[in-house]
């Protein structure tokens, strides 16, 4: 099940999950997705004026399945 705030998904629940225990939560700044939190950890979305350029984990490493796009620089563990 998905929970929306306007047109943005802010939480996902697996069937049978308690209302206080979403499977995945999404964090936005303005209209842009900046983080996703789930059982695997927190993943941060780094954007420029075109799109998400990369996803990093809380250690600053590339997130699972993430690839840097042309022109992106790997994070050093600090937030963008």
C-alpha atoms as a PDB file:
ATOM      1  CA  UNK A   1       0.000   0.000   0.000  1.00  0.00           C
ATOM      2  CA  UNK A   2       1.243   3.500  -0.790  1.00  0.00           C
ATOM      3  CA  UNK A   3       0.605   6.703   1.174  1.00  0.00           C
ATOM      4  CA  UNK A   4       0.635   9.957  -0.788  1.00  0.00           C
ATOM      5  CA  UNK A   5       1.005  13.609   0.099  1.00  0.00           C
ATOM      6  CA  UNK A   6      -0.399  15.330  -2.947  1.00  0.00           C
ATOM      7  CA  UNK A   7       1.210  13.528  -5.880  1.00  0.00           C
ATOM      8  CA  UNK A   8       4.286  12.350  -3.931  1.00  0.00           C
ATOM      9  CA  UNK A   9       4.618   8.881  -2.391  1.00  0.00           C
ATOM     10  CA  UNK A  10       5.745   9.391   1.215  1.00  0.00           C
ATOM     11  CA  UNK A  11       5.473   5.817   2.529  1.00  0.00           C
ATOM     12  CA  UNK A  12       5.090   2.203   1.444  1.00  0.00           C
ATOM     13  CA  UNK A  13       3.639  -0.590   3.555  1.00  0.00           C
ATOM     14  CA  UNK A  14       3.808  -4.330   3.011  1.00  0.00           C
ATOM     15  CA  UNK A  15       0.525  -6.181   3.502  1.00  0.00           C
ATOM     16  CA  UNK A  16      -0.199  -6.551   7.199  1.00  0.00           C
ATOM     17  CA  UNK A  17       2.330  -3.926   8.350  1.00  0.00           C
ATOM     18  CA  UNK A  18       1.346  -1.835  11.361  1.00  0.00           C
ATOM     19  CA  UNK A  19       0.429   1.808  10.603  1.00  0.00           C
ATOM     20  CA  UNK A  20       3.414   2.916  12.699  1.00  0.00           C
ATOM     21  CA  UNK A  21       5.860   0.705  10.753  1.00  0.00           C
ATOM     22  CA  UNK A  22       6.139   1.658   7.083  1.00  0.00           C
ATOM     23  CA  UNK A  23       8.333  -0.572   4.912  1.00  0.00           C
ATOM     24  CA  UNK A  24       9.844   2.443   3.121  1.00  0.00           C
ATOM     25  CA  UNK A  25       9.635   6.173   3.823  1.00  0.00           C
ATOM     26  CA  UNK A  26      10.469   8.947   1.338  1.00  0.00           C
ATOM     27  CA  UNK A  27      11.811  12.393   2.282  1.00  0.00           C
ATOM     28  CA  UNK A  28      11.316  15.438   0.060  1.00  0.00           C
ATOM     29  CA  UNK A  29      12.702  18.977   0.078  1.00  0.00           C
ATOM     30  CA  UNK A  30      10.303  21.106  -1.890  1.00  0.00           C
ATOM     31  CA  UNK A  31       9.265  18.811  -4.734  1.00  0.00           C
ATOM     32  CA  UNK A  32      12.552  16.905  -4.931  1.00  0.00           C
ATOM     33  CA  UNK A  33      13.173  13.457  -3.469  1.00  0.00           C
ATOM     34  CA  UNK A  34      16.205  13.727  -1.174  1.00  0.00           C
ATOM     35  CA  UNK A  35      16.162  10.462   0.811  1.00  0.00           C
ATOM     36  CA  UNK A  36      14.635   7.011   1.092  1.00  0.00           C
ATOM     37  CA  UNK A  37      14.632   5.089   4.383  1.00  0.00           C
ATOM     38  CA  UNK A  38      14.005   1.334   4.568  1.00  0.00           C
ATOM     39  CA  UNK A  39      15.345  -1.757   6.332  1.00  0.00           C
ATOM     40  CA  UNK A  40      18.498  -1.609   4.172  1.00  0.00           C
ATOM     41  CA  UNK A  41      19.357   1.871   5.445  1.00  0.00           C
ATOM     42  CA  UNK A  42      19.052   5.482   4.379  1.00  0.00           C
ATOM     43  CA  UNK A  43      19.792   6.420   0.778  1.00  0.00           C
ATOM     44  CA  UNK A  44      20.353  10.008  -0.318  1.00  0.00           C
ATOM     45  CA  UNK A  45      19.466  11.279  -3.799  1.00  0.00           C
ATOM     46  CA  UNK A  46      21.861  13.858  -5.250  1.00  0.00           C
ATOM     47  CA  UNK A  47      20.335  16.004  -7.949  1.00  0.00           C
ATOM     48  CA  UNK A  48      21.307  18.718 -10.340  1.00  0.00           C
ATOM     49  CA  UNK A  49      19.038  20.798 -12.568  1.00  0.00           C
ATOM     50  CA  UNK A  50      18.361  17.784 -14.836  1.00  0.00           C
ATOM     51  CA  UNK A  51      17.843  14.675 -12.703  1.00  0.00           C
ATOM     52  CA  UNK A  52      19.122  12.469  -9.888  1.00  0.00           C
ATOM     53  CA  UNK A  53      22.850  12.121 -10.523  1.00  0.00           C
ATOM     54  CA  UNK A  54      23.608   9.475  -7.914  1.00  0.00           C
ATOM     55  CA  UNK A  55      22.346   7.758  -4.804  1.00  0.00           C
ATOM     56  CA  UNK A  56      24.584   7.427  -1.764  1.00  0.00           C
ATOM     57  CA  UNK A  57      24.187   5.556   1.499  1.00  0.00           C
ATOM     58  CA  UNK A  58      24.692   6.990   4.989  1.00  0.00           C
ATOM     59  CA  UNK A  59      28.445   6.261   4.737  1.00  0.00           C
ATOM     60  CA  UNK A  60      28.753   8.326   1.563  1.00  0.00           C
ATOM     61  CA  UNK A  61      29.299   5.287  -0.673  1.00  0.00           C
ATOM     62  CA  UNK A  62      27.251   4.646  -3.755  1.00  0.00           C
ATOM     63  CA  UNK A  63      23.889   3.139  -2.900  1.00  0.00           C
ATOM     64  CA  UNK A  64      22.865  -0.322  -4.015  1.00  0.00           C
ATOM     65  CA  UNK A  65      22.326  -0.373  -7.768  1.00  0.00           C
ATOM     66  CA  UNK A  66      23.472   3.234  -8.102  1.00  0.00           C
ATOM     67  CA  UNK A  67      25.705   4.386 -10.912  1.00  0.00           C
ATOM     68  CA  UNK A  68      27.156   7.835 -11.285  1.00  0.00           C
ATOM     69  CA  UNK A  69      25.918   9.620 -14.370  1.00  0.00           C
ATOM     70  CA  UNK A  70      28.208  11.619 -16.628  1.00  0.00           C
ATOM     71  CA  UNK A  71      29.673  14.587 -14.821  1.00  0.00           C
ATOM     72  CA  UNK A  72      28.888  13.339 -11.299  1.00  0.00           C
ATOM     73  CA  UNK A  73      31.584  13.198  -8.638  1.00  0.00           C
ATOM     74  CA  UNK A  74      31.557  10.491  -5.941  1.00  0.00           C
ATOM     75  CA  UNK A  75      30.602  11.733  -2.485  1.00  0.00           C
ATOM     76  CA  UNK A  76      33.158  11.903   0.308  1.00  0.00           C
ATOM     77  CA  UNK A  77      30.707  11.050   3.060  1.00  0.00           C
ATOM     78  CA  UNK A  78      29.427  14.605   3.429  1.00  0.00           C
ATOM     79  CA  UNK A  79      25.999  15.602   2.253  1.00  0.00           C
ATOM     80  CA  UNK A  80      25.499  17.685  -0.836  1.00  0.00           C
END
